[in-house]
Amino acid sequence: MAFEYSKLIGRIAEKYGTRRNFAAAIGMTDAALSSRLNNVTPFKVEEIKRICAPDILDIADNAISEYFFTLKVK
């Protein structure tokens, strides 16, 4: 099962400019972030909570599923 992260990637670009800047802000390596965004490694609950925090991407609780759990259509 693969998830669609395009909305998340757009939010990252909007707030941080680059994935590298975002990865540094959340204390993750570029490789680890890439692995998650490419559906190789799943996001952990703790990572999702941190990413959605008001000081990071400011994603409301009721919008989390749109950013992290939308199934990728083939």
Protein backbone atom coordinates (compact mmCIF):
# COMPACT_ATOMS: atom_id res chain seq x y z
CA MET A 1 0.00 0.00 0.00
CA ALA A 2 1.51 3.31 -1.10
CA PHE A 3 0.48 6.75 0.04
CA GLU A 4 0.30 9.97 -2.00
CA TYR A 5 2.45 12.69 -0.41
CA SER A 6 2.10 15.46 -3.01
CA LYS A 7 0.08 17.67 -0.66
CA LEU A 8 2.68 17.18 2.08
CA ILE A 9 5.51 17.92 -0.35
CA GLY A 10 3.74 21.13 -1.42
CA ARG A 11 3.36 22.23 2.19
CA ILE A 12 7.04 21.52 2.84
CA ALA A 13 8.02 23.65 -0.17
CA GLU A 14 5.67 26.43 0.93
CA LYS A 15 7.03 26.60 4.49
CA TYR A 16 10.69 25.58 4.08
CA GLY A 17 11.62 26.00 0.44
CA THR A 18 13.55 22.75 0.22
CA ARG A 19 13.20 19.25 1.61
CA ARG A 20 16.73 19.59 3.01
CA ASN A 21 15.72 22.63 5.09
CA PHE A 22 12.63 20.79 6.29
CA ALA A 23 14.55 17.63 7.20
CA ALA A 24 16.99 19.70 9.24
CA ALA A 25 14.11 21.47 11.02
CA ILE A 26 12.62 18.17 12.16
CA GLY A 27 15.94 16.52 12.99
CA MET A 28 15.83 13.98 10.18
CA THR A 29 18.41 13.22 7.51
CA ASP A 30 17.65 13.96 3.87
CA ALA A 31 17.86 10.23 3.16
CA ALA A 32 15.37 9.33 5.90
CA LEU A 33 12.89 11.94 4.68
CA SER A 34 13.28 10.79 1.09
CA SER A 35 12.70 7.20 2.17
CA ARG A 36 9.42 8.19 3.80
CA LEU A 37 8.19 10.38 0.95
CA ASN A 38 8.97 7.58 -1.53
CA ASN A 39 6.98 4.98 0.44
CA VAL A 40 10.06 2.94 1.33
CA THR A 41 9.79 3.53 5.08
CA PRO A 42 6.51 4.47 6.79
CA PHE A 43 6.19 7.63 8.86
CA LYS A 44 6.09 6.93 12.61
CA VAL A 45 3.26 8.37 14.69
CA GLU A 46 5.75 10.53 16.62
CA GLU A 47 7.13 11.93 13.36
CA ILE A 48 3.66 12.79 12.08
CA LYS A 49 2.84 14.57 15.35
CA ARG A 50 6.06 16.60 15.16
CA ILE A 51 5.64 17.45 11.47
CA CYS A 52 2.06 18.65 12.03
CA ALA A 53 2.95 20.81 15.04
CA PRO A 54 2.17 24.53 14.81
CA ASP A 55 5.87 25.44 14.80
CA ILE A 56 6.64 23.10 11.88
CA LEU A 57 3.96 22.65 9.17
CA ASP A 58 0.92 23.67 11.23
CA ILE A 59 -1.39 20.93 9.92
CA ALA A 60 -4.69 20.66 11.78
CA ASP A 61 -5.64 17.31 13.33
CA ASN A 62 -8.63 16.98 11.02
CA ALA A 63 -6.37 17.38 7.94
CA ILE A 64 -3.70 14.81 8.84
CA SER A 65 -5.30 12.08 6.76
CA GLU A 66 -5.18 14.29 3.65
CA TYR A 67 -1.43 14.76 4.04
CA PHE A 68 -0.37 11.31 5.24
CA PHE A 69 -3.01 8.68 4.46
CA THR A 70 -4.33 9.34 0.97
CA LEU A 71 -3.80 6.19 -1.07
CA LYS A 72 -1.74 6.54 -4.23
CA VAL A 73 -3.73 5.72 -7.36
CA LYS A 74 -1.89 3.76 -10.01
